[in-house]
Amino acid sequence: MHAAQIQTFSSDAMKAPGLVAAAGVAAALGFYSANYSRLSASPDNLETFNSILFWLFASLLLTVCAPGFAYFSQIAYMRAVYAEKYGYEYPYTEHTAGSKRFTLVGDAFRWASVLLIALSILCLIRGGILFLHIVR
């Protein structure tokens, strides 16, 4: 039961920032179109608007990369299982140098994926805060 929940939440955690960032980009561009005269009056406003787009696109980019890294981790874990040595006595499997290396690679890609999603969420927050400042 817990494994299924973890899979669902991890999938949602990788999708959510991308969806929100994409919607944020669309909202920012709509806001820019509707408020062009007010935004173009000040170079600071345009600079802030460019920062908003930068942070939202960075969030999208990181969100797109994270599932790929998670996929690579699963490939490495699968290869680690195939690299184990099997036996007829308990514990029935024995780690080999190859399986340990593949497990290490899988762990690295898994944590990289977690880091990418965390960075994506932070980029999204930064873009959202900047958007709230420019809306005022």
Protein backbone atom coordinates (compact mmCIF):
# COMPACT_ATOMS: atom_id res chain seq x y z
CA MET A 1 0.00 0.00 0.00
CA HIS A 2 2.78 2.44 0.89
CA ALA A 3 4.74 1.72 -2.29
CA ALA A 4 1.69 2.56 -4.43
CA GLN A 5 1.16 5.81 -2.53
CA ILE A 6 4.82 6.75 -2.90
CA GLN A 7 4.64 6.10 -6.66
CA THR A 8 1.50 8.21 -6.98
CA PHE A 9 2.88 11.08 -4.92
CA SER A 10 6.24 11.02 -6.70
CA SER A 11 4.53 11.15 -10.08
CA ASP A 12 2.33 14.02 -8.95
CA ALA A 13 5.33 15.82 -7.42
CA MET A 14 7.10 15.70 -10.77
CA LYS A 15 4.06 16.85 -12.75
CA ALA A 16 2.73 19.63 -10.53
CA PRO A 17 5.55 22.19 -10.83
CA GLY A 18 5.58 21.81 -14.60
CA LEU A 19 1.86 22.34 -14.91
CA VAL A 20 1.90 25.34 -12.60
CA ALA A 21 4.95 26.87 -14.30
CA ALA A 22 3.37 26.43 -17.75
CA ALA A 23 0.18 28.06 -16.52
CA GLY A 24 2.28 30.78 -14.90
CA VAL A 25 4.03 31.54 -18.17
CA ALA A 26 0.67 31.79 -19.93
CA ALA A 27 -0.71 34.02 -17.17
CA ALA A 28 2.40 36.22 -17.20
CA LEU A 29 2.19 36.67 -20.97
CA GLY A 30 -1.53 37.47 -20.72
CA PHE A 31 -0.81 39.94 -17.94
CA TYR A 32 1.94 41.52 -20.07
CA SER A 33 -0.41 41.88 -23.04
CA ALA A 34 -3.14 43.44 -20.94
CA ASN A 35 -0.79 45.79 -19.08
CA TYR A 36 1.77 46.62 -21.76
CA SER A 37 1.49 50.40 -21.36
CA ARG A 38 1.99 50.23 -17.59
CA LEU A 39 4.87 47.72 -17.80
CA SER A 40 6.70 49.43 -20.65
CA ALA A 41 6.66 52.78 -18.83
CA SER A 42 9.39 51.59 -16.46
CA PRO A 43 12.51 49.59 -17.35
CA ASP A 44 12.40 48.09 -13.84
CA ASN A 45 9.00 46.58 -14.58
CA LEU A 46 10.29 45.03 -17.79
CA GLU A 47 13.34 43.68 -15.99
CA THR A 48 11.12 42.15 -13.32
CA PHE A 49 8.88 40.67 -15.99
CA ASN A 50 11.89 39.09 -17.70
CA SER A 51 12.95 37.65 -14.35
CA ILE A 52 9.51 36.17 -13.90
CA LEU A 53 9.74 34.42 -17.26
CA PHE A 54 13.27 33.25 -16.48
CA TRP A 55 12.28 31.62 -13.16
CA LEU A 56 9.13 30.04 -14.60
CA PHE A 57 10.99 28.62 -17.61
CA ALA A 58 13.76 27.37 -15.31
CA SER A 59 11.09 25.58 -13.29
CA LEU A 60 9.72 24.02 -16.49
CA LEU A 61 13.17 22.90 -17.60
CA LEU A 62 13.98 21.30 -14.25
CA THR A 63 10.57 19.61 -14.17
CA VAL A 64 11.17 18.12 -17.61
CA CYS A 65 14.62 16.81 -16.60
CA ALA A 66 13.55 15.21 -13.29
CA PRO A 67 11.49 12.30 -14.71
CA GLY A 68 14.37 11.46 -17.04
CA PHE A 69 16.73 11.21 -14.09
CA ALA A 70 14.17 9.09 -12.22
CA TYR A 71 13.96 6.82 -15.28
CA PHE A 72 17.75 6.45 -15.35
CA SER A 73 17.72 5.51 -11.67
CA GLN A 74 15.23 2.73 -12.34
CA ILE A 75 17.34 1.38 -15.19
CA ALA A 76 20.38 1.33 -12.89
CA TYR A 77 18.42 -0.44 -10.13
CA MET A 78 17.19 -3.04 -12.63
CA ARG A 79 20.75 -3.64 -13.83
CA ALA A 80 21.86 -3.97 -10.19
CA VAL A 81 19.36 -6.79 -9.68
CA TYR A 82 20.60 -8.58 -12.81
CA ALA A 83 24.22 -8.17 -11.68
CA GLU A 84 23.62 -9.93 -8.35
CA LYS A 85 24.90 -13.44 -7.80
CA TYR A 86 22.17 -15.97 -7.08
CA GLY A 87 22.47 -18.98 -4.80
CA TYR A 88 20.43 -21.80 -3.27
CA GLU A 89 21.03 -20.86 0.36
CA TYR A 90 19.77 -17.95 2.40
CA PRO A 91 19.87 -14.98 1.57
CA TYR A 92 19.65 -16.39 -2.01
CA THR A 93 21.30 -13.33 -3.54
CA GLU A 94 24.72 -11.87 -3.06
CA HIS A 95 25.85 -8.41 -4.05
CA THR A 96 28.65 -8.21 -6.56
CA ALA A 97 30.92 -5.31 -7.44
CA GLY A 98 28.73 -4.64 -10.48
CA SER A 99 25.48 -4.66 -8.53
CA LYS A 100 26.97 -2.28 -5.97
CA ARG A 101 28.07 0.11 -8.71
CA PHE A 102 24.65 0.04 -10.41
CA THR A 103 22.96 0.64 -7.06
CA LEU A 104 25.23 3.61 -6.42
CA VAL A 105 24.45 5.03 -9.88
CA GLY A 106 20.73 4.50 -9.25
CA ASP A 107 20.96 6.29 -5.91
CA ALA A 108 22.82 9.20 -7.53
CA PHE A 109 20.18 9.60 -10.25
CA ARG A 110 17.35 9.24 -7.73
CA TRP A 111 18.74 11.98 -5.48
CA ALA A 112 19.50 14.14 -8.52
CA SER A 113 15.84 13.79 -9.53
CA VAL A 114 14.72 14.80 -6.04
CA LEU A 115 17.09 17.79 -6.15
CA LEU A 116 15.80 18.84 -9.58
CA ILE A 117 12.20 18.80 -8.38
CA ALA A 118 13.10 20.73 -5.22
CA LEU A 119 14.93 23.33 -7.34
CA SER A 120 11.97 23.44 -9.72
CA ILE A 121 9.62 24.21 -6.84
CA LEU A 122 11.98 26.93 -5.56
CA CYS A 123 12.18 28.48 -9.06
CA LEU A 124 8.40 28.41 -9.26
CA ILE A 125 8.10 30.11 -5.88
CA ARG A 126 10.61 32.79 -6.92
CA GLY A 127 8.75 33.46 -10.17
CA GLY A 128 5.44 33.60 -8.31
CA ILE A 129 6.75 36.07 -5.74
CA LEU A 130 8.14 38.30 -8.48
CA PHE A 131 4.79 38.12 -10.28
CA LEU A 132 3.00 39.23 -7.11
CA HIS A 133 5.39 42.18 -6.83
CA ILE A 134 4.75 43.33 -10.38
CA VAL A 135 0.98 42.95 -10.04
CA ARG A 136 0.90 45.46 -7.16
